C-alpha atoms as a PDB file:
ATOM      1  CA  UNK A   1      -5.858 -19.482 -11.633  1.00  0.00           C
ATOM      2  CA  UNK A   2      -7.607 -15.712 -12.002  1.00  0.00           C
ATOM      3  CA  UNK A   3      -4.847 -12.771 -12.718  1.00  0.00           C
ATOM      4  CA  UNK A   4      -5.283  -9.442 -12.050  1.00  0.00           C
ATOM      5  CA  UNK A   5      -3.175  -6.106 -12.849  1.00  0.00           C
ATOM      6  CA  UNK A   6      -4.098  -2.603 -12.724  1.00  0.00           C
ATOM      7  CA  UNK A   7      -6.613  -2.569 -15.633  1.00  0.00           C
ATOM      8  CA  UNK A   8      -9.125  -4.206 -13.444  1.00  0.00           C
ATOM      9  CA  UNK A   9      -7.970  -3.933  -9.692  1.00  0.00           C
ATOM     10  CA  UNK A  10      -6.791  -1.317  -7.318  1.00  0.00           C
ATOM     11  CA  UNK A  11      -3.319  -1.064  -4.962  1.00  0.00           C
ATOM     12  CA  UNK A  12      -3.263   1.908  -2.615  1.00  0.00           C
ATOM     13  CA  UNK A  13      -0.975   2.898   0.501  1.00  0.00           C
ATOM     14  CA  UNK A  14      -2.313   5.259   2.519  1.00  0.00           C
ATOM     15  CA  UNK A  15      -0.187   7.691   4.931  1.00  0.00           C
ATOM     16  CA  UNK A  16      -0.645  10.207   7.751  1.00  0.00           C
ATOM     17  CA  UNK A  17       0.841  12.725   8.621  1.00  0.00           C
ATOM     18  CA  UNK A  18       3.051  13.211  12.474  1.00  0.00           C
ATOM     19  CA  UNK A  19       5.022  15.706  13.466  1.00  0.00           C
ATOM     20  CA  UNK A  20       5.009  19.138  15.652  1.00  0.00           C
ATOM     21  CA  UNK A  21       4.284  21.164  11.852  1.00  0.00           C
ATOM     22  CA  UNK A  22       1.730  18.319  10.617  1.00  0.00           C
ATOM     23  CA  UNK A  23      -0.382  20.873   9.969  1.00  0.00           C
ATOM     24  CA  UNK A  24       1.774  22.304   7.201  1.00  0.00           C
ATOM     25  CA  UNK A  25       1.752  18.501   5.566  1.00  0.00           C
ATOM     26  CA  UNK A  26      -0.693  15.869   4.286  1.00  0.00           C
ATOM     27  CA  UNK A  27      -2.292  11.999   4.669  1.00  0.00           C
ATOM     28  CA  UNK A  28      -1.925  10.738   1.336  1.00  0.00           C
ATOM     29  CA  UNK A  29      -3.679   8.177  -0.928  1.00  0.00           C
ATOM     30  CA  UNK A  30      -1.017   6.510  -3.323  1.00  0.00           C
ATOM     31  CA  UNK A  31      -1.651   4.218  -5.973  1.00  0.00           C
ATOM     32  CA  UNK A  32       0.864   1.397  -7.388  1.00  0.00           C
ATOM     33  CA  UNK A  33       0.149   1.412 -10.906  1.00  0.00           C
ATOM     34  CA  UNK A  34       2.389  -1.799 -11.439  1.00  0.00           C
ATOM     35  CA  UNK A  35       1.532  -4.652 -10.074  1.00  0.00           C
ATOM     36  CA  UNK A  36       0.374  -8.634 -10.963  1.00  0.00           C
ATOM     37  CA  UNK A  37      -1.963 -10.536  -8.577  1.00  0.00           C
ATOM     38  CA  UNK A  38      -3.061 -14.393  -9.298  1.00  0.00           C
ATOM     39  CA  UNK A  39      -5.265 -15.603  -6.554  1.00  0.00           C
ATOM     40  CA  UNK A  40      -8.095 -18.299  -5.859  1.00  0.00           C
ATOM     41  CA  UNK A  41      -9.711 -19.982  -2.857  1.00  0.00           C
ATOM     42  CA  UNK A  42      -6.240 -21.671  -2.384  1.00  0.00           C
ATOM     43  CA  UNK A  43      -3.901 -19.430  -2.829  1.00  0.00           C
ATOM     44  CA  UNK A  44      -3.046 -15.696  -3.561  1.00  0.00           C
ATOM     45  CA  UNK A  45       0.376 -14.789  -4.914  1.00  0.00           C
ATOM     46  CA  UNK A  46       1.697 -10.644  -5.915  1.00  0.00           C
ATOM     47  CA  UNK A  47       4.701  -8.857  -7.501  1.00  0.00           C
ATOM     48  CA  UNK A  48       4.327  -4.888  -7.126  1.00  0.00           C
ATOM     49  CA  UNK A  49       6.918  -2.648  -8.381  1.00  0.00           C
ATOM     50  CA  UNK A  50       7.760  -0.490  -5.707  1.00  0.00           C
ATOM     51  CA  UNK A  51       8.766   2.783  -8.052  1.00  0.00           C
ATOM     52  CA  UNK A  52       5.213   2.785  -9.898  1.00  0.00           C
ATOM     53  CA  UNK A  53       3.621   4.628  -6.921  1.00  0.00           C
ATOM     54  CA  UNK A  54       2.108   7.505  -8.105  1.00  0.00           C
ATOM     55  CA  UNK A  55      -0.005  10.650  -5.946  1.00  0.00           C
ATOM     56  CA  UNK A  56      -3.566  10.753  -6.424  1.00  0.00           C
ATOM     57  CA  UNK A  57      -4.183  13.541  -3.962  1.00  0.00           C
ATOM     58  CA  UNK A  58      -3.983  14.653  -0.421  1.00  0.00           C
ATOM     59  CA  UNK A  59      -6.886  13.552   2.160  1.00  0.00           C
ATOM     60  CA  UNK A  60      -8.617  15.324   4.930  1.00  0.00           C
ATOM     61  CA  UNK A  61     -10.409  13.383   7.095  1.00  0.00           C
ATOM     62  CA  UNK A  62     -10.340  10.661   5.059  1.00  0.00           C
ATOM     63  CA  UNK A  63     -11.689  12.592   1.937  1.00  0.00           C
ATOM     64  CA  UNK A  64      -9.761  13.814  -1.159  1.00  0.00           C
ATOM     65  CA  UNK A  65      -8.918  17.385  -1.222  1.00  0.00           C
ATOM     66  CA  UNK A  66      -6.973  18.940  -4.364  1.00  0.00           C
ATOM     67  CA  UNK A  67      -4.580  21.183  -2.735  1.00  0.00           C
ATOM     68  CA  UNK A  68      -1.435  18.874  -4.283  1.00  0.00           C
ATOM     69  CA  UNK A  69      -0.428  20.539  -7.326  1.00  0.00           C
ATOM     70  CA  UNK A  70       1.593  18.396 -10.293  1.00  0.00           C
ATOM     71  CA  UNK A  71       4.658  19.424  -9.070  1.00  0.00           C
ATOM     72  CA  UNK A  72       4.154  18.627  -5.361  1.00  0.00           C
ATOM     73  CA  UNK A  73       2.922  15.378  -6.475  1.00  0.00           C
ATOM     74  CA  UNK A  74       6.304  14.937  -8.285  1.00  0.00           C
ATOM     75  CA  UNK A  75       8.123  16.240  -5.594  1.00  0.00           C
ATOM     76  CA  UNK A  76       6.652  13.684  -3.121  1.00  0.00           C
ATOM     77  CA  UNK A  77       6.986  11.013  -5.444  1.00  0.00           C
ATOM     78  CA  UNK A  78      10.621  11.795  -5.687  1.00  0.00           C
ATOM     79  CA  UNK A  79      11.062  11.619  -1.989  1.00  0.00           C
ATOM     80  CA  UNK A  80       9.799   8.322  -1.836  1.00  0.00           C
ATOM     81  CA  UNK A  81      11.612   6.799  -4.564  1.00  0.00           C
ATOM     82  CA  UNK A  82      14.542   8.784  -3.264  1.00  0.00           C
ATOM     83  CA  UNK A  83      14.754   8.541   0.851  1.00  0.00           C
ATOM     84  CA  UNK A  84      11.858   5.929   1.519  1.00  0.00           C
ATOM     85  CA  UNK A  85      11.457   3.131  -0.678  1.00  0.00           C
ATOM     86  CA  UNK A  86      15.264   2.720  -2.017  1.00  0.00           C
ATOM     87  CA  UNK A  87      14.996  -0.799  -3.491  1.00  0.00           C
ATOM     88  CA  UNK A  88      14.094  -1.190  -6.704  1.00  0.00           C
ATOM     89  CA  UNK A  89      13.303  -4.700  -6.181  1.00  0.00           C
ATOM     90  CA  UNK A  90       9.996  -5.964  -6.188  1.00  0.00           C
ATOM     91  CA  UNK A  91       7.704  -6.276  -3.377  1.00  0.00           C
ATOM     92  CA  UNK A  92       6.489  -9.963  -3.359  1.00  0.00           C
ATOM     93  CA  UNK A  93       3.512 -11.442  -1.484  1.00  0.00           C
ATOM     94  CA  UNK A  94       3.135 -14.988  -1.195  1.00  0.00           C
ATOM     95  CA  UNK A  95       0.299 -16.656   1.207  1.00  0.00           C
ATOM     96  CA  UNK A  96       0.724 -19.650   3.129  1.00  0.00           C
ATOM     97  CA  UNK A  97      -2.868 -19.993   4.097  1.00  0.00           C
ATOM     98  CA  UNK A  98      -6.489 -18.979   2.689  1.00  0.00           C
ATOM     99  CA  UNK A  99      -9.795 -18.755   4.737  1.00  0.00           C
ATOM    100  CA  UNK A 100     -12.509 -17.778   2.962  1.00  0.00           C
ATOM    101  CA  UNK A 101     -15.740 -16.978   4.622  1.00  0.00           C
ATOM    102  CA  UNK A 102     -18.950 -15.641   3.745  1.00  0.00           C
ATOM    103  CA  UNK A 103     -18.025 -12.010   4.327  1.00  0.00           C
ATOM    104  CA  UNK A 104     -14.979 -12.422   2.882  1.00  0.00           C
ATOM    105  CA  UNK A 105     -11.950 -14.341   4.959  1.00  0.00           C
ATOM    106  CA  UNK A 106      -8.133 -14.012   6.027  1.00  0.00           C
ATOM    107  CA  UNK A 107      -5.326 -14.554   3.987  1.00  0.00           C
ATOM    108  CA  UNK A 108      -1.766 -15.551   5.600  1.00  0.00           C
ATOM    109  CA  UNK A 109       1.665 -15.114   4.177  1.00  0.00           C
ATOM    110  CA  UNK A 110       5.105 -13.246   3.613  1.00  0.00           C
ATOM    111  CA  UNK A 111       5.826  -9.976   2.549  1.00  0.00           C
ATOM    112  CA  UNK A 112       8.964  -9.267   1.184  1.00  0.00           C
ATOM    113  CA  UNK A 113       9.768  -5.595   0.921  1.00  0.00           C
ATOM    114  CA  UNK A 114      13.334  -3.819   1.097  1.00  0.00           C
ATOM    115  CA  UNK A 115      15.045  -6.975   0.790  1.00  0.00           C
ATOM    116  CA  UNK A 116      13.332  -8.131   4.313  1.00  0.00           C
ATOM    117  CA  UNK A 117      10.732 -11.072   4.613  1.00  0.00           C
ATOM    118  CA  UNK A 118       8.203 -10.769   7.079  1.00  0.00           C
ATOM    119  CA  UNK A 119       4.691 -12.601   8.205  1.00  0.00           C
ATOM    120  CA  UNK A 120       1.591 -10.995   7.144  1.00  0.00           C
ATOM    121  CA  UNK A 121      -2.278 -11.675   7.798  1.00  0.00           C
ATOM    122  CA  UNK A 122      -4.533  -9.895   5.617  1.00  0.00           C
ATOM    123  CA  UNK A 123      -8.241  -9.390   6.712  1.00  0.00           C
ATOM    124  CA  UNK A 124     -10.226  -9.601   3.361  1.00  0.00           C
ATOM    125  CA  UNK A 125     -13.776  -8.380   2.989  1.00  0.00           C
ATOM    126  CA  UNK A 126     -16.623  -8.832  -0.221  1.00  0.00           C
ATOM    127  CA  UNK A 127     -18.087  -5.347  -1.109  1.00  0.00           C
ATOM    128  CA  UNK A 128     -20.561  -6.263  -3.808  1.00  0.00           C
ATOM    129  CA  UNK A 129     -18.013  -7.168  -6.876  1.00  0.00           C
ATOM    130  CA  UNK A 130     -14.970  -7.382  -5.403  1.00  0.00           C
ATOM    131  CA  UNK A 131     -13.102  -8.168  -2.771  1.00  0.00           C
ATOM    132  CA  UNK A 132     -11.263  -5.572  -0.502  1.00  0.00           C
ATOM    133  CA  UNK A 133      -8.235  -6.185   1.563  1.00  0.00           C
ATOM    134  CA  UNK A 134      -6.370  -4.337   4.004  1.00  0.00           C
ATOM    135  CA  UNK A 135      -3.174  -4.219   5.964  1.00  0.00           C
ATOM    136  CA  UNK A 136      -1.487  -2.294   8.297  1.00  0.00           C
ATOM    137  CA  UNK A 137       2.383  -2.655   7.237  1.00  0.00           C
ATOM    138  CA  UNK A 138       4.991  -1.100   9.965  1.00  0.00           C
ATOM    139  CA  UNK A 139       7.555   0.687   7.420  1.00  0.00           C
ATOM    140  CA  UNK A 140      10.213  -0.173  10.166  1.00  0.00           C
ATOM    141  CA  UNK A 141       9.679  -3.793  10.420  1.00  0.00           C
ATOM    142  CA  UNK A 142      11.192  -3.939   6.723  1.00  0.00           C
ATOM    143  CA  UNK A 143      13.944  -2.049   7.365  1.00  0.00           C
ATOM    144  CA  UNK A 144      11.987   1.408   5.872  1.00  0.00           C
ATOM    145  CA  UNK A 145      12.962   4.697   7.566  1.00  0.00           C
ATOM    146  CA  UNK A 146       9.552   7.027   7.554  1.00  0.00           C
ATOM    147  CA  UNK A 147      10.045   9.939   5.399  1.00  0.00           C
ATOM    148  CA  UNK A 148      11.121  12.430   7.884  1.00  0.00           C
ATOM    149  CA  UNK A 149      12.027  16.589   7.358  1.00  0.00           C
ATOM    150  CA  UNK A 150      12.866  19.532   9.034  1.00  0.00           C
ATOM    151  CA  UNK A 151      14.846  17.547  11.445  1.00  0.00           C
ATOM    152  CA  UNK A 152      11.664  15.593  12.399  1.00  0.00           C
ATOM    153  CA  UNK A 153       9.555  18.419  12.932  1.00  0.00           C
ATOM    154  CA  UNK A 154       7.581  16.667   9.982  1.00  0.00           C
ATOM    155  CA  UNK A 155       7.371  13.244   8.999  1.00  0.00           C
ATOM    156  CA  UNK A 156       4.755  10.451   8.233  1.00  0.00           C
ATOM    157  CA  UNK A 157       3.245   7.855  10.928  1.00  0.00           C
ATOM    158  CA  UNK A 158       5.582   4.387  11.097  1.00  0.00           C
ATOM    159  CA  UNK A 159       2.370   2.159   9.829  1.00  0.00           C
ATOM    160  CA  UNK A 160       1.100   2.494   6.567  1.00  0.00           C
ATOM    161  CA  UNK A 161      -2.231   1.496   5.246  1.00  0.00           C
ATOM    162  CA  UNK A 162      -2.342  -0.897   2.102  1.00  0.00           C
ATOM    163  CA  UNK A 163      -5.866  -2.080   0.701  1.00  0.00           C
ATOM    164  CA  UNK A 164      -6.134  -4.206  -2.422  1.00  0.00           C
ATOM    165  CA  UNK A 165      -9.167  -4.654  -4.405  1.00  0.00           C
ATOM    166  CA  UNK A 166      -9.953  -7.433  -6.595  1.00  0.00           C
ATOM    167  CA  UNK A 167     -13.096  -8.231  -8.527  1.00  0.00           C
ATOM    168  CA  UNK A 168     -14.826 -11.327  -6.655  1.00  0.00           C
ATOM    169  CA  UNK A 169     -13.796 -14.871  -8.925  1.00  0.00           C
ATOM    170  CA  UNK A 170     -16.079 -17.195  -7.554  1.00  0.00           C
END
């Protein structure tokens, strides 16, 4: 079974701002820098280190911007580690069903995050020589309180988008 990590694959988390003062905040793209995924046409398993999230950049209308300083990025990473993903236990995904199609497929399984296990389904599409899987992850389902500041007038929407890309193996 092929094994992938950050050297040949990516795992990105996309957040969106919300709240009365959202114009002061940023949508973000974060990179999970420490993970391992094994995958073939029958099964997918993954382990992700929640402490390895790094801010890549702010997004404006879905496009990267250079509006964050290195200090801003470190502060955001600290907020995520301290206030959002408070558990250092690995995040785990284990498939129960893999359905491959000409254009990609669907993977069903369980995701364990923050000590809670929930069923999830990922849509997979083929993009040239890569598989791209996306998941809308509702943080409260895993006991995670989305980041909030200024008495809730500045916050992150409860649903984040996770995108994993892997090289095609067959």
